[in-house]
Amino acid sequence: MASFHGHGDKVAYFFIAFGLYLLFRAITEAHVTSLTGETLYIAIAISLFASNVPRVMDIPLHMVQPIRRIEIFSFALALACFAALCLRYLI
């Protein structure tokens, strides 16, 4: 079995890079896709940033709770946008 001990920073950097890709994709495809799709990409990117940037950077303790709330809100927004897109394609 593979051991991932010591690779947490690499995984966090990958998710940050993936969040940057999603944000770039949302900006470049702004005129082509729907508003719900754009919001989905942006919400996923914000959620990835909020969960992984504190893993690779030192942040003050008084900022932990607001960042956690941003992460939860953006994740819930992404789920709502995903459900709306699924309903749109099913109807």
N, C-alpha and C. Protein backbone atom coordinates (compact mmCIF):
# COMPACT_ATOMS: atom_id res chain seq x y z
N MET A 1 0.84 -1.17 0.00
CA MET A 1 0.00 0.00 0.00
C MET A 1 0.89 1.24 0.00
N ALA A 2 0.51 2.23 -0.75
CA ALA A 2 1.30 3.45 -0.88
C ALA A 2 1.18 4.31 0.38
N SER A 3 2.26 4.93 0.75
CA SER A 3 2.27 5.81 1.91
C SER A 3 2.30 7.26 1.43
N PHE A 4 1.35 8.05 1.92
CA PHE A 4 1.26 9.45 1.53
C PHE A 4 1.77 10.38 2.63
N HIS A 5 2.55 9.84 3.54
CA HIS A 5 3.09 10.65 4.63
C HIS A 5 4.05 11.69 4.07
N GLY A 6 3.80 12.95 4.39
CA GLY A 6 4.66 14.03 3.94
C GLY A 6 4.26 14.63 2.60
N HIS A 7 3.17 14.16 2.00
CA HIS A 7 2.75 14.67 0.71
C HIS A 7 1.50 15.56 0.80
N GLY A 8 1.15 15.97 1.99
CA GLY A 8 -0.05 16.80 2.17
C GLY A 8 0.07 18.15 1.49
N ASP A 9 1.26 18.74 1.51
CA ASP A 9 1.46 20.03 0.86
C ASP A 9 1.32 19.91 -0.65
N LYS A 10 1.81 18.81 -1.22
CA LYS A 10 1.71 18.63 -2.67
C LYS A 10 0.26 18.49 -3.12
N VAL A 11 -0.53 17.77 -2.33
CA VAL A 11 -1.95 17.62 -2.66
C VAL A 11 -2.66 18.96 -2.53
N ALA A 12 -2.33 19.73 -1.50
CA ALA A 12 -2.94 21.06 -1.32
C ALA A 12 -2.57 21.98 -2.47
N TYR A 13 -1.32 21.94 -2.92
CA TYR A 13 -0.92 22.76 -4.06
C TYR A 13 -1.64 22.33 -5.34
N PHE A 14 -1.88 21.03 -5.50
CA PHE A 14 -2.63 20.56 -6.66
C PHE A 14 -4.05 21.11 -6.64
N PHE A 15 -4.71 21.07 -5.49
CA PHE A 15 -6.08 21.58 -5.41
C PHE A 15 -6.12 23.10 -5.61
N ILE A 16 -5.10 23.81 -5.16
CA ILE A 16 -5.03 25.25 -5.41
C ILE A 16 -4.87 25.51 -6.91
N ALA A 17 -4.02 24.73 -7.57
CA ALA A 17 -3.84 24.89 -9.01
C ALA A 17 -5.13 24.54 -9.76
N PHE A 18 -5.84 23.52 -9.30
CA PHE A 18 -7.11 23.16 -9.93
C PHE A 18 -8.15 24.27 -9.72
N GLY A 19 -8.14 24.89 -8.55
CA GLY A 19 -9.02 26.03 -8.30
C GLY A 19 -8.70 27.20 -9.21
N LEU A 20 -7.41 27.46 -9.44
CA LEU A 20 -7.03 28.51 -10.39
C LEU A 20 -7.50 28.18 -11.80
N TYR A 21 -7.39 26.90 -12.19
CA TYR A 21 -7.88 26.49 -13.50
C TYR A 21 -9.39 26.72 -13.62
N LEU A 22 -10.15 26.34 -12.60
CA LEU A 22 -11.60 26.54 -12.65
C LEU A 22 -11.96 28.02 -12.70
N LEU A 23 -11.24 28.84 -11.95
CA LEU A 23 -11.49 30.27 -11.96
C LEU A 23 -11.16 30.87 -13.33
N PHE A 24 -10.05 30.47 -13.91
CA PHE A 24 -9.68 30.93 -15.25
C PHE A 24 -10.69 30.48 -16.29
N ARG A 25 -11.16 29.23 -16.16
CA ARG A 25 -12.16 28.71 -17.09
C ARG A 25 -13.48 29.47 -16.97
N ALA A 26 -13.87 29.80 -15.74
CA ALA A 26 -15.11 30.56 -15.55
C ALA A 26 -15.02 31.95 -16.16
N ILE A 27 -13.86 32.57 -16.06
CA ILE A 27 -13.70 33.92 -16.60
C ILE A 27 -13.66 33.89 -18.12
N THR A 28 -12.95 32.92 -18.70
CA THR A 28 -12.81 32.89 -20.15
C THR A 28 -14.07 32.44 -20.86
N GLU A 29 -14.90 31.63 -20.21
CA GLU A 29 -16.13 31.15 -20.83
C GLU A 29 -17.35 31.93 -20.36
N ALA A 30 -17.17 33.15 -19.94
CA ALA A 30 -18.27 33.93 -19.36
C ALA A 30 -19.37 34.23 -20.37
N HIS A 31 -19.02 34.39 -21.62
CA HIS A 31 -20.02 34.74 -22.64
C HIS A 31 -20.67 33.52 -23.25
N VAL A 32 -20.14 32.33 -22.99
CA VAL A 32 -20.61 31.13 -23.66
C VAL A 32 -21.56 30.31 -22.78
N THR A 33 -21.24 30.14 -21.51
CA THR A 33 -22.02 29.28 -20.64
C THR A 33 -23.05 30.08 -19.85
N SER A 34 -23.90 29.35 -19.14
CA SER A 34 -24.96 29.99 -18.36
C SER A 34 -24.41 30.57 -17.06
N LEU A 35 -25.19 31.41 -16.45
CA LEU A 35 -24.80 32.03 -15.18
C LEU A 35 -24.67 30.99 -14.08
N THR A 36 -25.51 29.97 -14.13
CA THR A 36 -25.44 28.92 -13.12
C THR A 36 -24.14 28.13 -13.25
N GLY A 37 -23.72 27.86 -14.47
CA GLY A 37 -22.45 27.17 -14.68
C GLY A 37 -21.27 27.99 -14.23
N GLU A 38 -21.31 29.27 -14.51
CA GLU A 38 -20.23 30.16 -14.06
C GLU A 38 -20.17 30.22 -12.54
N THR A 39 -21.33 30.31 -11.91
CA THR A 39 -21.39 30.36 -10.45
C THR A 39 -20.88 29.06 -9.85
N LEU A 40 -21.19 27.94 -10.51
CA LEU A 40 -20.71 26.64 -10.04
C LEU A 40 -19.18 26.59 -10.05
N TYR A 41 -18.57 26.99 -11.16
CA TYR A 41 -17.11 26.97 -11.25
C TYR A 41 -16.47 27.90 -10.22
N ILE A 42 -17.02 29.09 -10.07
CA ILE A 42 -16.45 30.05 -9.12
C ILE A 42 -16.62 29.57 -7.68
N ALA A 43 -17.77 28.98 -7.36
CA ALA A 43 -18.00 28.49 -6.00
C ALA A 43 -17.07 27.32 -5.67
N ILE A 44 -16.85 26.43 -6.62
CA ILE A 44 -15.92 25.32 -6.39
C ILE A 44 -14.50 25.86 -6.19
N ALA A 45 -14.10 26.84 -7.00
CA ALA A 45 -12.76 27.41 -6.87
C ALA A 45 -12.58 28.08 -5.51
N ILE A 46 -13.56 28.84 -5.07
CA ILE A 46 -13.46 29.50 -3.76
C ILE A 46 -13.40 28.48 -2.64
N SER A 47 -14.20 27.41 -2.76
CA SER A 47 -14.17 26.36 -1.74
C SER A 47 -12.81 25.67 -1.69
N LEU A 48 -12.22 25.41 -2.86
CA LEU A 48 -10.89 24.81 -2.88
C LEU A 48 -9.84 25.73 -2.29
N PHE A 49 -9.92 27.02 -2.61
CA PHE A 49 -8.97 27.98 -2.03
C PHE A 49 -9.11 28.05 -0.52
N ALA A 50 -10.35 28.14 -0.04
CA ALA A 50 -10.58 28.30 1.40
C ALA A 50 -10.17 27.07 2.19
N SER A 51 -10.22 25.90 1.57
CA SER A 51 -9.84 24.70 2.32
C SER A 51 -8.36 24.37 2.20
N ASN A 52 -7.68 24.82 1.15
CA ASN A 52 -6.29 24.40 0.94
C ASN A 52 -5.24 25.48 1.18
N VAL A 53 -5.58 26.74 1.01
CA VAL A 53 -4.60 27.79 1.25
C VAL A 53 -4.14 27.82 2.71
N PRO A 54 -5.04 27.65 3.70
CA PRO A 54 -4.54 27.61 5.08
C PRO A 54 -3.62 26.43 5.39
N ARG A 55 -3.64 25.39 4.56
CA ARG A 55 -2.75 24.25 4.78
C ARG A 55 -1.32 24.55 4.38
N VAL A 56 -1.13 25.48 3.46
CA VAL A 56 0.23 25.77 2.99
C VAL A 56 0.73 27.13 3.46
N MET A 57 -0.13 27.94 4.05
CA MET A 57 0.27 29.25 4.56
C MET A 57 -0.10 29.35 6.03
N ASP A 58 0.69 30.09 6.76
CA ASP A 58 0.35 30.36 8.15
C ASP A 58 -0.64 31.52 8.19
N ILE A 59 -1.78 31.29 8.83
CA ILE A 59 -2.78 32.33 8.96
C ILE A 59 -3.01 32.58 10.44
N PRO A 60 -3.41 33.80 10.80
CA PRO A 60 -3.70 34.09 12.20
C PRO A 60 -4.91 33.28 12.68
N LEU A 61 -4.91 32.96 13.96
CA LEU A 61 -5.98 32.15 14.51
C LEU A 61 -7.35 32.82 14.43
N HIS A 62 -7.39 34.15 14.47
CA HIS A 62 -8.69 34.82 14.42
C HIS A 62 -9.30 34.78 13.02
N MET A 63 -8.54 34.32 12.02
CA MET A 63 -9.06 34.21 10.66
C MET A 63 -9.55 32.80 10.32
N VAL A 64 -9.37 31.84 11.21
CA VAL A 64 -9.73 30.46 10.91
C VAL A 64 -11.24 30.31 10.77
N GLN A 65 -12.00 30.83 11.70
CA GLN A 65 -13.46 30.68 11.65
C GLN A 65 -14.09 31.38 10.44
N PRO A 66 -13.72 32.62 10.08
CA PRO A 66 -14.30 33.22 8.86
C PRO A 66 -13.95 32.45 7.59
N ILE A 67 -12.73 31.92 7.51
CA ILE A 67 -12.35 31.15 6.32
C ILE A 67 -13.16 29.87 6.26
N ARG A 68 -13.39 29.24 7.39
CA ARG A 68 -14.21 28.02 7.43
C ARG A 68 -15.64 28.32 7.00
N ARG A 69 -16.19 29.45 7.42
CA ARG A 69 -17.55 29.82 7.01
C ARG A 69 -17.62 30.09 5.50
N ILE A 70 -16.60 30.73 4.95
CA ILE A 70 -16.54 30.95 3.50
C ILE A 70 -16.49 29.62 2.77
N GLU A 71 -15.72 28.69 3.28
CA GLU A 71 -15.61 27.37 2.66
C GLU A 71 -16.96 26.64 2.67
N ILE A 72 -17.65 26.66 3.78
CA ILE A 72 -18.94 25.97 3.88
C ILE A 72 -19.98 26.65 2.99
N PHE A 73 -20.01 27.99 2.99
CA PHE A 73 -20.98 28.70 2.15
C PHE A 73 -20.74 28.44 0.67
N SER A 74 -19.49 28.50 0.25
CA SER A 74 -19.21 28.29 -1.18
C SER A 74 -19.46 26.84 -1.58
N PHE A 75 -19.23 25.89 -0.69
CA PHE A 75 -19.54 24.50 -0.99
C PHE A 75 -21.05 24.30 -1.12
N ALA A 76 -21.82 24.91 -0.23
CA ALA A 76 -23.28 24.82 -0.32
C ALA A 76 -23.80 25.49 -1.59
N LEU A 77 -23.21 26.61 -1.95
CA LEU A 77 -23.58 27.29 -3.20
C LEU A 77 -23.26 26.42 -4.41
N ALA A 78 -22.12 25.74 -4.38
CA ALA A 78 -21.75 24.83 -5.48
C ALA A 78 -22.73 23.67 -5.58
N LEU A 79 -23.14 23.13 -4.45
CA LEU A 79 -24.14 22.05 -4.48
C LEU A 79 -25.47 22.53 -5.02
N ALA A 80 -25.88 23.73 -4.63
CA ALA A 80 -27.15 24.27 -5.14
C ALA A 80 -27.07 24.52 -6.64
N CYS A 81 -25.96 25.05 -7.12
CA CYS A 81 -25.80 25.27 -8.56
C CYS A 81 -25.77 23.96 -9.32
N PHE A 82 -25.11 22.95 -8.76
CA PHE A 82 -25.07 21.65 -9.40
C PHE A 82 -26.47 21.04 -9.48
N ALA A 83 -27.24 21.16 -8.41
CA ALA A 83 -28.61 20.64 -8.42
C ALA A 83 -29.46 21.39 -9.44
N ALA A 84 -29.27 22.71 -9.53
CA ALA A 84 -30.04 23.50 -10.51
C ALA A 84 -29.67 23.11 -11.94
N LEU A 85 -28.39 22.87 -12.19
CA LEU A 85 -27.99 22.43 -13.52
C LEU A 85 -28.54 21.06 -13.85
N CYS A 86 -28.55 20.15 -12.88
CA CYS A 86 -29.11 18.82 -13.11
C CYS A 86 -30.61 18.91 -13.40
N LEU A 87 -31.32 19.74 -12.65
CA LEU A 87 -32.75 19.89 -12.87
C LEU A 87 -33.03 20.51 -14.24
N ARG A 88 -32.19 21.44 -14.64
CA ARG A 88 -32.36 22.08 -15.94
C ARG A 88 -32.21 21.08 -17.09
N TYR A 89 -31.26 20.19 -16.97
CA TYR A 89 -31.04 19.21 -18.02
C TYR A 89 -32.07 18.07 -17.99
N LEU A 90 -32.65 17.80 -16.82
CA LEU A 90 -33.66 16.74 -16.72
C LEU A 90 -35.03 17.19 -17.20
N ILE A 91 -35.29 18.48 -17.06
CA ILE A 91 -36.63 18.99 -17.45
C ILE A 91 -36.68 19.34 -18.90
